[in-house]
Amino acid sequence: MRSGFGTVLGLTLLAGCLTVESARAEDTAPPCDVPAYLLTSESSLPKVAAAIKSRQPLNVLVVGSRSSTIASSESSAYPARLRAILKERFPAVPIDLSVELQTSKTAEEVAATLVKLVEAKRPTLVVWQTGTVDAIRSIDPDDFRSALDEGVTALQNAGTDVILINLQYSPRTETMTSAPPYLDNIRVVAQQHDVPLFDRFTIMRHWNDAGDFDLFSTTHGVELAKRVHACLGRALSKFVIDAARLDPAQQN
């Protein structure tokens, strides 16, 4: 049992080394298209929309695991790609993005820190990436849902928009962790609180099934990981813009 946990943890930490791709590499990368329904949400981001429409500062806080950043180069991770695209799309809007690593922490442990984080960072939008650690540790799904519910409630009471991001998809770890209960609970909490859910799991599974990426293979190593992270950053930027419900004229 301990060996299985170590294997999954090792794969998770390896996923944490994902980095965005250089411009040259992106030119030759697969298109990593995402079905439109995965980049739209019935829930909206009113505070993000208000900031962009009034050209006020848009402050984004990404709260997540090691896969949210690169220890030696924060500019290489998907949040940096998100920030770059938002700055390109909204050049008149001051945009700041910070990443708060919650390495190896469960949703319950992260939820306990959110109020202080919001007080310190004053974000317009919190992007909460969650579920992986809970799945690895086999946290009771009901306890996971309760922690997620408390965390989102705290964020909304603090006056920030929220996006939830679920687990990464990995065909290599499907037999080692039971993702469905955590995926289902993230979706339930997102619906109950009317917050957008960026379905990273389904998006990455689509790329794998479509042949854009072979997420089972380890032969391409870091280069494959770089392209996946770059694609996630692009997809997330489209998701944020859609959820903000902005007219085309406001996207320039």
C-alpha atoms as a PDB file:
ATOM      1  CA  MET A   1       0.000   0.000   0.000  1.00  0.00           C
ATOM      2  CA  ARG A   2       2.808   2.341   0.900  1.00  0.00           C
ATOM      3  CA  SER A   3       4.580   1.497  -2.343  1.00  0.00           C
ATOM      4  CA  GLY A   4       1.496   2.417  -4.360  1.00  0.00           C
ATOM      5  CA  PHE A   5       1.188   5.730  -2.546  1.00  0.00           C
ATOM      6  CA  GLY A   6       4.839   6.505  -3.241  1.00  0.00           C
ATOM      7  CA  THR A   7       4.416   5.710  -6.915  1.00  0.00           C
ATOM      8  CA  VAL A   8       1.409   8.002  -7.282  1.00  0.00           C
ATOM      9  CA  LEU A   9       3.101  10.755  -5.295  1.00  0.00           C
ATOM     10  CA  GLY A  10       6.151  10.479  -7.501  1.00  0.00           C
ATOM     11  CA  LEU A  11       4.020  10.804 -10.622  1.00  0.00           C
ATOM     12  CA  THR A  12       2.243  13.783  -9.123  1.00  0.00           C
ATOM     13  CA  LEU A  13       5.519  15.521  -8.342  1.00  0.00           C
ATOM     14  CA  LEU A  14       6.708  14.755 -11.860  1.00  0.00           C
ATOM     15  CA  ALA A  15       3.530  16.387 -13.164  1.00  0.00           C
ATOM     16  CA  GLY A  16       4.458  19.347 -11.008  1.00  0.00           C
ATOM     17  CA  CYS A  17       7.486  19.892 -13.217  1.00  0.00           C
ATOM     18  CA  LEU A  18       5.290  20.683 -16.211  1.00  0.00           C
ATOM     19  CA  THR A  19       6.303  23.927 -17.893  1.00  0.00           C
ATOM     20  CA  VAL A  20       5.011  26.049 -20.736  1.00  0.00           C
ATOM     21  CA  GLU A  21       6.566  25.652 -24.126  1.00  0.00           C
ATOM     22  CA  SER A  22       8.836  28.068 -25.932  1.00  0.00           C
ATOM     23  CA  ALA A  23       7.339  30.020 -28.828  1.00  0.00           C
ATOM     24  CA  ARG A  24       9.201  27.915 -31.370  1.00  0.00           C
ATOM     25  CA  ALA A  25       8.006  24.665 -29.890  1.00  0.00           C
ATOM     26  CA  GLU A  26       4.419  25.925 -29.752  1.00  0.00           C
ATOM     27  CA  ASP A  27       4.537  26.571 -33.491  1.00  0.00           C
ATOM     28  CA  THR A  28       5.069  22.854 -34.125  1.00  0.00           C
ATOM     29  CA  ALA A  29       2.876  21.559 -31.289  1.00  0.00           C
ATOM     30  CA  PRO A  30      -0.433  19.759 -31.837  1.00  0.00           C
ATOM     31  CA  PRO A  31      -3.432  22.091 -31.890  1.00  0.00           C
ATOM     32  CA  CYS A  32      -4.712  20.744 -28.549  1.00  0.00           C
ATOM     33  CA  ASP A  33      -8.230  21.835 -29.456  1.00  0.00           C
ATOM     34  CA  VAL A  34     -10.871  21.702 -26.732  1.00  0.00           C
ATOM     35  CA  PRO A  35     -14.576  21.048 -27.393  1.00  0.00           C
ATOM     36  CA  ALA A  36     -16.489  24.298 -26.988  1.00  0.00           C
ATOM     37  CA  TYR A  37     -18.715  22.923 -24.243  1.00  0.00           C
ATOM     38  CA  LEU A  38     -15.646  22.429 -22.025  1.00  0.00           C
ATOM     39  CA  LEU A  39     -14.682  26.077 -22.324  1.00  0.00           C
ATOM     40  CA  THR A  40     -18.071  27.541 -21.489  1.00  0.00           C
ATOM     41  CA  SER A  41     -19.842  27.832 -18.168  1.00  0.00           C
ATOM     42  CA  GLU A  42     -23.348  28.698 -17.063  1.00  0.00           C
ATOM     43  CA  SER A  43     -21.763  30.384 -14.046  1.00  0.00           C
ATOM     44  CA  SER A  44     -20.147  33.779 -14.483  1.00  0.00           C
ATOM     45  CA  LEU A  45     -17.329  35.949 -13.141  1.00  0.00           C
ATOM     46  CA  PRO A  46     -19.016  39.306 -12.450  1.00  0.00           C
ATOM     47  CA  LYS A  47     -16.104  40.857 -10.567  1.00  0.00           C
ATOM     48  CA  VAL A  48     -13.674  39.962 -13.341  1.00  0.00           C
ATOM     49  CA  ALA A  49     -16.071  41.474 -15.874  1.00  0.00           C
ATOM     50  CA  ALA A  50     -16.466  44.665 -13.827  1.00  0.00           C
ATOM     51  CA  ALA A  51     -12.699  45.098 -13.494  1.00  0.00           C
ATOM     52  CA  ILE A  52     -12.120  44.677 -17.219  1.00  0.00           C
ATOM     53  CA  LYS A  53     -15.019  46.903 -18.261  1.00  0.00           C
ATOM     54  CA  SER A  54     -13.849  49.709 -15.968  1.00  0.00           C
ATOM     55  CA  ARG A  55     -10.152  49.073 -16.694  1.00  0.00           C
ATOM     56  CA  GLN A  56      -9.476  48.584 -13.019  1.00  0.00           C
ATOM     57  CA  PRO A  57      -6.722  46.219 -11.783  1.00  0.00           C
ATOM     58  CA  LEU A  58      -7.512  42.551 -12.299  1.00  0.00           C
ATOM     59  CA  ASN A  59      -5.785  40.548  -9.572  1.00  0.00           C
ATOM     60  CA  VAL A  60      -5.751  36.775  -9.969  1.00  0.00           C
ATOM     61  CA  LEU A  61      -4.662  34.372  -7.231  1.00  0.00           C
ATOM     62  CA  VAL A  62      -3.973  30.759  -8.174  1.00  0.00           C
ATOM     63  CA  VAL A  63      -4.127  28.423  -5.188  1.00  0.00           C
ATOM     64  CA  GLY A  64      -2.880  24.965  -5.999  1.00  0.00           C
ATOM     65  CA  SER A  65      -0.358  22.185  -5.810  1.00  0.00           C
ATOM     66  CA  ARG A  66       3.141  21.890  -7.209  1.00  0.00           C
ATOM     67  CA  SER A  67       1.701  21.519 -10.710  1.00  0.00           C
ATOM     68  CA  SER A  68       0.731  25.211 -10.590  1.00  0.00           C
ATOM     69  CA  THR A  69       4.305  26.427 -10.815  1.00  0.00           C
ATOM     70  CA  ILE A  70       7.949  25.561 -11.377  1.00  0.00           C
ATOM     71  CA  ALA A  71      10.289  26.065  -8.442  1.00  0.00           C
ATOM     72  CA  SER A  72      13.113  27.420 -10.575  1.00  0.00           C
ATOM     73  CA  SER A  73      10.975  29.463 -12.971  1.00  0.00           C
ATOM     74  CA  GLU A  74       7.483  30.646 -12.121  1.00  0.00           C
ATOM     75  CA  SER A  75       7.240  32.195 -15.580  1.00  0.00           C
ATOM     76  CA  SER A  76       7.199  28.693 -17.087  1.00  0.00           C
ATOM     77  CA  ALA A  77       3.968  27.442 -15.522  1.00  0.00           C
ATOM     78  CA  TYR A  78       0.398  27.611 -16.832  1.00  0.00           C
ATOM     79  CA  PRO A  79      -0.574  30.592 -14.607  1.00  0.00           C
ATOM     80  CA  ALA A  80       2.085  32.649 -16.368  1.00  0.00           C
ATOM     81  CA  ARG A  81       0.613  31.670 -19.728  1.00  0.00           C
ATOM     82  CA  LEU A  82      -2.828  32.680 -18.452  1.00  0.00           C
ATOM     83  CA  ARG A  83      -1.513  36.067 -17.341  1.00  0.00           C
ATOM     84  CA  ALA A  84       0.282  36.665 -20.658  1.00  0.00           C
ATOM     85  CA  ILE A  85      -2.829  35.950 -22.708  1.00  0.00           C
ATOM     86  CA  LEU A  86      -5.056  38.109 -20.516  1.00  0.00           C
ATOM     87  CA  LYS A  87      -2.570  40.989 -20.799  1.00  0.00           C
ATOM     88  CA  GLU A  88      -2.536  40.550 -24.577  1.00  0.00           C
ATOM     89  CA  ARG A  89      -6.335  40.513 -24.804  1.00  0.00           C
ATOM     90  CA  PHE A  90      -6.842  43.400 -22.368  1.00  0.00           C
ATOM     91  CA  PRO A  91      -3.818  45.707 -22.755  1.00  0.00           C
ATOM     92  CA  ALA A  92      -5.565  48.633 -21.010  1.00  0.00           C
ATOM     93  CA  VAL A  93      -6.242  46.590 -17.858  1.00  0.00           C
ATOM     94  CA  PRO A  94      -3.538  46.266 -15.169  1.00  0.00           C
ATOM     95  CA  ILE A  95      -3.274  42.519 -14.585  1.00  0.00           C
ATOM     96  CA  ASP A  96      -1.438  40.886 -11.713  1.00  0.00           C
ATOM     97  CA  LEU A  97      -1.262  37.152 -11.057  1.00  0.00           C
ATOM     98  CA  SER A  98       0.255  35.389  -8.078  1.00  0.00           C
ATOM     99  CA  VAL A  99       0.541  31.728  -7.167  1.00  0.00           C
ATOM    100  CA  GLU A 100       0.146  30.357  -3.669  1.00  0.00           C
ATOM    101  CA  LEU A 101       1.514  26.834  -3.419  1.00  0.00           C
ATOM    102  CA  GLN A 102      -0.245  24.489  -1.024  1.00  0.00           C
ATOM    103  CA  THR A 103       2.017  21.502  -1.606  1.00  0.00           C
ATOM    104  CA  SER A 104       0.748  18.171  -0.294  1.00  0.00           C
ATOM    105  CA  LYS A 105      -2.204  19.816   1.480  1.00  0.00           C
ATOM    106  CA  THR A 106      -5.739  18.470   1.415  1.00  0.00           C
ATOM    107  CA  ALA A 107      -8.742  20.632   0.586  1.00  0.00           C
ATOM    108  CA  GLU A 108      -9.487  20.925   4.298  1.00  0.00           C
ATOM    109  CA  GLU A 109      -5.980  22.190   5.012  1.00  0.00           C
ATOM    110  CA  VAL A 110      -6.105  24.655   2.132  1.00  0.00           C
ATOM    111  CA  ALA A 111      -9.585  25.908   3.042  1.00  0.00           C
ATOM    112  CA  ALA A 112      -8.309  26.943   6.462  1.00  0.00           C
ATOM    113  CA  THR A 113      -5.825  29.350   4.826  1.00  0.00           C
ATOM    114  CA  LEU A 114      -8.071  30.996   2.246  1.00  0.00           C
ATOM    115  CA  VAL A 115      -9.428  33.892   4.284  1.00  0.00           C
ATOM    116  CA  LYS A 116      -5.939  35.067   5.248  1.00  0.00           C
ATOM    117  CA  LEU A 117      -4.767  34.680   1.656  1.00  0.00           C
ATOM    118  CA  VAL A 118      -7.606  36.824   0.360  1.00  0.00           C
ATOM    119  CA  GLU A 119      -6.988  39.455   3.020  1.00  0.00           C
ATOM    120  CA  ALA A 120      -3.315  39.594   2.039  1.00  0.00           C
ATOM    121  CA  LYS A 121      -3.649  39.404  -1.751  1.00  0.00           C
ATOM    122  CA  ARG A 122      -6.984  41.205  -2.330  1.00  0.00           C
ATOM    123  CA  PRO A 123      -7.729  39.160  -5.481  1.00  0.00           C
ATOM    124  CA  THR A 124     -10.502  39.794  -7.960  1.00  0.00           C
ATOM    125  CA  LEU A 125     -10.453  36.107  -8.855  1.00  0.00           C
ATOM    126  CA  VAL A 126      -9.261  33.022  -6.994  1.00  0.00           C
ATOM    127  CA  VAL A 127      -8.463  29.961  -9.110  1.00  0.00           C
ATOM    128  CA  TRP A 128      -8.522  26.982  -6.736  1.00  0.00           C
ATOM    129  CA  GLN A 129      -6.909  23.828  -8.078  1.00  0.00           C
ATOM    130  CA  THR A 130      -7.880  20.908  -5.854  1.00  0.00           C
ATOM    131  CA  GLY A 131      -8.592  17.211  -5.474  1.00  0.00           C
ATOM    132  CA  THR A 132      -5.297  15.519  -6.299  1.00  0.00           C
ATOM    133  CA  VAL A 133      -3.888  15.263  -2.787  1.00  0.00           C
ATOM    134  CA  ASP A 134      -7.251  14.167  -1.392  1.00  0.00           C
ATOM    135  CA  ALA A 135      -7.482  11.415  -4.016  1.00  0.00           C
ATOM    136  CA  ILE A 136      -3.938  10.230  -3.352  1.00  0.00           C
ATOM    137  CA  ARG A 137      -4.577  10.086   0.382  1.00  0.00           C
ATOM    138  CA  SER A 138      -8.020   8.530  -0.098  1.00  0.00           C
ATOM    139  CA  ILE A 139      -9.669  11.253   1.983  1.00  0.00           C
ATOM    140  CA  ASP A 140     -13.329  10.483   2.596  1.00  0.00           C
ATOM    141  CA  PRO A 141     -15.184  12.035  -0.380  1.00  0.00           C
ATOM    142  CA  ASP A 142     -17.845  13.496   1.922  1.00  0.00           C
ATOM    143  CA  ASP A 143     -15.165  15.178   4.029  1.00  0.00           C
ATOM    144  CA  PHE A 144     -13.577  16.462   0.840  1.00  0.00           C
ATOM    145  CA  ARG A 145     -16.886  17.944  -0.319  1.00  0.00           C
ATOM    146  CA  SER A 146     -17.472  19.598   3.048  1.00  0.00           C
ATOM    147  CA  ALA A 147     -14.013  21.167   3.019  1.00  0.00           C
ATOM    148  CA  LEU A 148     -14.497  22.403  -0.528  1.00  0.00           C
ATOM    149  CA  ASP A 149     -17.888  23.833   0.362  1.00  0.00           C
ATOM    150  CA  GLU A 150     -16.438  25.698   3.348  1.00  0.00           C
ATOM    151  CA  GLY A 151     -13.556  27.047   1.289  1.00  0.00           C
ATOM    152  CA  VAL A 152     -15.724  28.354  -1.549  1.00  0.00           C
ATOM    153  CA  THR A 153     -18.141  29.868   0.944  1.00  0.00           C
ATOM    154  CA  ALA A 154     -15.268  31.696   2.639  1.00  0.00           C
ATOM    155  CA  LEU A 155     -14.007  33.024  -0.689  1.00  0.00           C
ATOM    156  CA  GLN A 156     -17.418  34.258  -1.795  1.00  0.00           C
ATOM    157  CA  ASN A 157     -18.047  35.872   1.580  1.00  0.00           C
ATOM    158  CA  ALA A 158     -14.722  37.651   1.171  1.00  0.00           C
ATOM    159  CA  GLY A 159     -16.006  39.157  -2.081  1.00  0.00           C
ATOM    160  CA  THR A 160     -13.947  37.397  -4.742  1.00  0.00           C
ATOM    161  CA  ASP A 161     -14.886  35.491  -7.880  1.00  0.00           C
ATOM    162  CA  VAL A 162     -13.939  31.802  -7.833  1.00  0.00           C
ATOM    163  CA  ILE A 163     -12.972  29.194 -10.416  1.00  0.00           C
ATOM    164  CA  LEU A 164     -12.477  25.569  -9.377  1.00  0.00           C
ATOM    165  CA  ILE A 165     -10.006  23.372 -11.253  1.00  0.00           C
ATOM    166  CA  ASN A 166     -10.229  19.625 -10.826  1.00  0.00           C
ATOM    167  CA  LEU A 167      -7.606  16.873 -11.009  1.00  0.00           C
ATOM    168  CA  GLN A 168      -5.196  16.209 -13.845  1.00  0.00           C
ATOM    169  CA  TYR A 169      -5.953  13.225 -16.067  1.00  0.00           C
ATOM    170  CA  SER A 170      -3.313  10.518 -16.166  1.00  0.00           C
ATOM    171  CA  PRO A 171      -3.968   7.076 -17.668  1.00  0.00           C
ATOM    172  CA  ARG A 172      -0.900   5.860 -15.774  1.00  0.00           C
ATOM    173  CA  THR A 173      -2.491   6.484 -12.365  1.00  0.00           C
ATOM    174  CA  GLU A 174      -6.107   5.473 -13.068  1.00  0.00           C
ATOM    175  CA  THR A 175      -5.648   2.130 -11.331  1.00  0.00           C
ATOM    176  CA  MET A 176      -3.891   3.704  -8.350  1.00  0.00           C
ATOM    177  CA  THR A 177      -6.374   6.416  -7.408  1.00  0.00           C
ATOM    178  CA  SER A 178     -10.157   6.645  -7.569  1.00  0.00           C
ATOM    179  CA  ALA A 179     -10.769  10.028  -9.181  1.00  0.00           C
ATOM    180  CA  PRO A 180     -14.573   9.893  -9.859  1.00  0.00           C
ATOM    181  CA  PRO A 181     -15.767  10.597  -6.283  1.00  0.00           C
ATOM    182  CA  TYR A 182     -13.597  13.717  -6.111  1.00  0.00           C
ATOM    183  CA  LEU A 183     -14.513  14.859  -9.616  1.00  0.00           C
ATOM    184  CA  ASP A 184     -18.206  14.436  -8.790  1.00  0.00           C
ATOM    185  CA  ASN A 185     -17.931  16.372  -5.533  1.00  0.00           C
ATOM    186  CA  ILE A 186     -16.053  19.241  -7.132  1.00  0.00           C
ATOM    187  CA  ARG A 187     -18.798  19.507  -9.718  1.00  0.00           C
ATOM    188  CA  VAL A 188     -21.527  19.421  -7.052  1.00  0.00           C
ATOM    189  CA  VAL A 189     -19.890  22.188  -5.021  1.00  0.00           C
ATOM    190  CA  ALA A 190     -19.348  24.312  -8.148  1.00  0.00           C
ATOM    191  CA  GLN A 191     -23.034  23.988  -9.042  1.00  0.00           C
ATOM    192  CA  GLN A 192     -24.235  24.686  -5.518  1.00  0.00           C
ATOM    193  CA  HIS A 193     -22.182  27.866  -5.292  1.00  0.00           C
ATOM    194  CA  ASP A 194     -22.691  28.878  -8.937  1.00  0.00           C
ATOM    195  CA  VAL A 195     -18.973  29.081  -9.680  1.00  0.00           C
ATOM    196  CA  PRO A 196     -17.292  28.035 -12.938  1.00  0.00           C
ATOM    197  CA  LEU A 197     -15.541  24.666 -13.011  1.00  0.00           C
ATOM    198  CA  PHE A 198     -12.566  24.298 -15.341  1.00  0.00           C
ATOM    199  CA  ASP A 199     -12.706  20.580 -16.115  1.00  0.00           C
ATOM    200  CA  ARG A 200      -8.981  19.939 -16.488  1.00  0.00           C
ATOM    201  CA  PHE A 201      -9.495  16.188 -16.109  1.00  0.00           C
ATOM    202  CA  THR A 202     -11.871  15.854 -19.070  1.00  0.00           C
ATOM    203  CA  ILE A 203      -9.861  18.273 -21.203  1.00  0.00           C
ATOM    204  CA  MET A 204      -6.642  16.311 -20.719  1.00  0.00           C
ATOM    205  CA  ARG A 205      -8.441  13.005 -21.297  1.00  0.00           C
ATOM    206  CA  HIS A 206      -9.823  14.443 -24.560  1.00  0.00           C
ATOM    207  CA  TRP A 207      -6.319  15.380 -25.692  1.00  0.00           C
ATOM    208  CA  ASN A 208      -5.067  11.899 -24.860  1.00  0.00           C
ATOM    209  CA  ASP A 209      -7.956  10.153 -26.633  1.00  0.00           C
ATOM    210  CA  ALA A 210      -7.688  12.462 -29.654  1.00  0.00           C
ATOM    211  CA  GLY A 211      -4.000  11.665 -30.019  1.00  0.00           C
ATOM    212  CA  ASP A 212      -2.832  15.226 -29.393  1.00  0.00           C
ATOM    213  CA  PHE A 213      -0.759  13.918 -26.500  1.00  0.00           C
ATOM    214  CA  ASP A 214       0.190  10.450 -25.340  1.00  0.00           C
ATOM    215  CA  LEU A 215      -0.199  10.979 -21.615  1.00  0.00           C
ATOM    216  CA  PHE A 216       0.678   7.362 -20.872  1.00  0.00           C
ATOM    217  CA  SER A 217       4.092   7.507 -22.467  1.00  0.00           C
ATOM    218  CA  THR A 218       7.161   8.636 -20.535  1.00  0.00           C
ATOM    219  CA  THR A 219       9.509   8.657 -23.515  1.00  0.00           C
ATOM    220  CA  HIS A 220       8.998  12.333 -24.374  1.00  0.00           C
ATOM    221  CA  GLY A 221       9.425  13.472 -20.782  1.00  0.00           C
ATOM    222  CA  VAL A 222       9.603  17.160 -20.084  1.00  0.00           C
ATOM    223  CA  GLU A 223       9.009  18.293 -23.669  1.00  0.00           C
ATOM    224  CA  LEU A 224       5.609  16.612 -23.721  1.00  0.00           C
ATOM    225  CA  ALA A 225       4.824  18.107 -20.338  1.00  0.00           C
ATOM    226  CA  LYS A 226       5.741  21.587 -21.557  1.00  0.00           C
ATOM    227  CA  ARG A 227       3.234  21.411 -24.387  1.00  0.00           C
ATOM    228  CA  VAL A 228       0.467  20.156 -22.110  1.00  0.00           C
ATOM    229  CA  HIS A 229       0.998  23.053 -19.712  1.00  0.00           C
ATOM    230  CA  ALA A 230       1.029  25.598 -22.528  1.00  0.00           C
ATOM    231  CA  CYS A 231      -2.240  24.185 -23.835  1.00  0.00           C
ATOM    232  CA  LEU A 232      -3.812  24.294 -20.376  1.00  0.00           C
ATOM    233  CA  GLY A 233      -2.886  27.950 -20.038  1.00  0.00           C
ATOM    234  CA  ARG A 234      -4.499  28.796 -23.370  1.00  0.00           C
ATOM    235  CA  ALA A 235      -7.642  26.818 -22.562  1.00  0.00           C
ATOM    236  CA  LEU A 236      -7.977  28.415 -19.134  1.00  0.00           C
ATOM    237  CA  SER A 237      -7.654  31.911 -20.579  1.00  0.00           C
ATOM    238  CA  LYS A 238     -10.507  31.203 -22.999  1.00  0.00           C
ATOM    239  CA  PHE A 239     -12.559  29.820 -20.120  1.00  0.00           C
ATOM    240  CA  VAL A 240     -12.026  32.938 -17.989  1.00  0.00           C
ATOM    241  CA  ILE A 241     -12.920  35.277 -20.838  1.00  0.00           C
ATOM    242  CA  ASP A 242     -16.092  33.316 -21.620  1.00  0.00           C
ATOM    243  CA  ALA A 243     -17.181  33.247 -17.973  1.00  0.00           C
ATOM    244  CA  ALA A 244     -16.689  37.010 -17.719  1.00  0.00           C
ATOM    245  CA  ARG A 245     -19.425  37.407 -20.367  1.00  0.00           C
ATOM    246  CA  LEU A 246     -17.600  40.149 -22.233  1.00  0.00           C
ATOM    247  CA  ASP A 247     -18.760  41.589 -25.537  1.00  0.00           C
ATOM    248  CA  PRO A 248     -16.261  41.279 -28.410  1.00  0.00           C
ATOM    249  CA  ALA A 249     -15.659  45.033 -28.300  1.00  0.00           C
ATOM    250  CA  GLN A 250     -14.524  44.724 -24.679  1.00  0.00           C
ATOM    251  CA  GLN A 251     -11.934  42.085 -25.506  1.00  0.00           C
ATOM    252  CA  ASN A 252      -9.469  44.449 -27.158  1.00  0.00           C
END
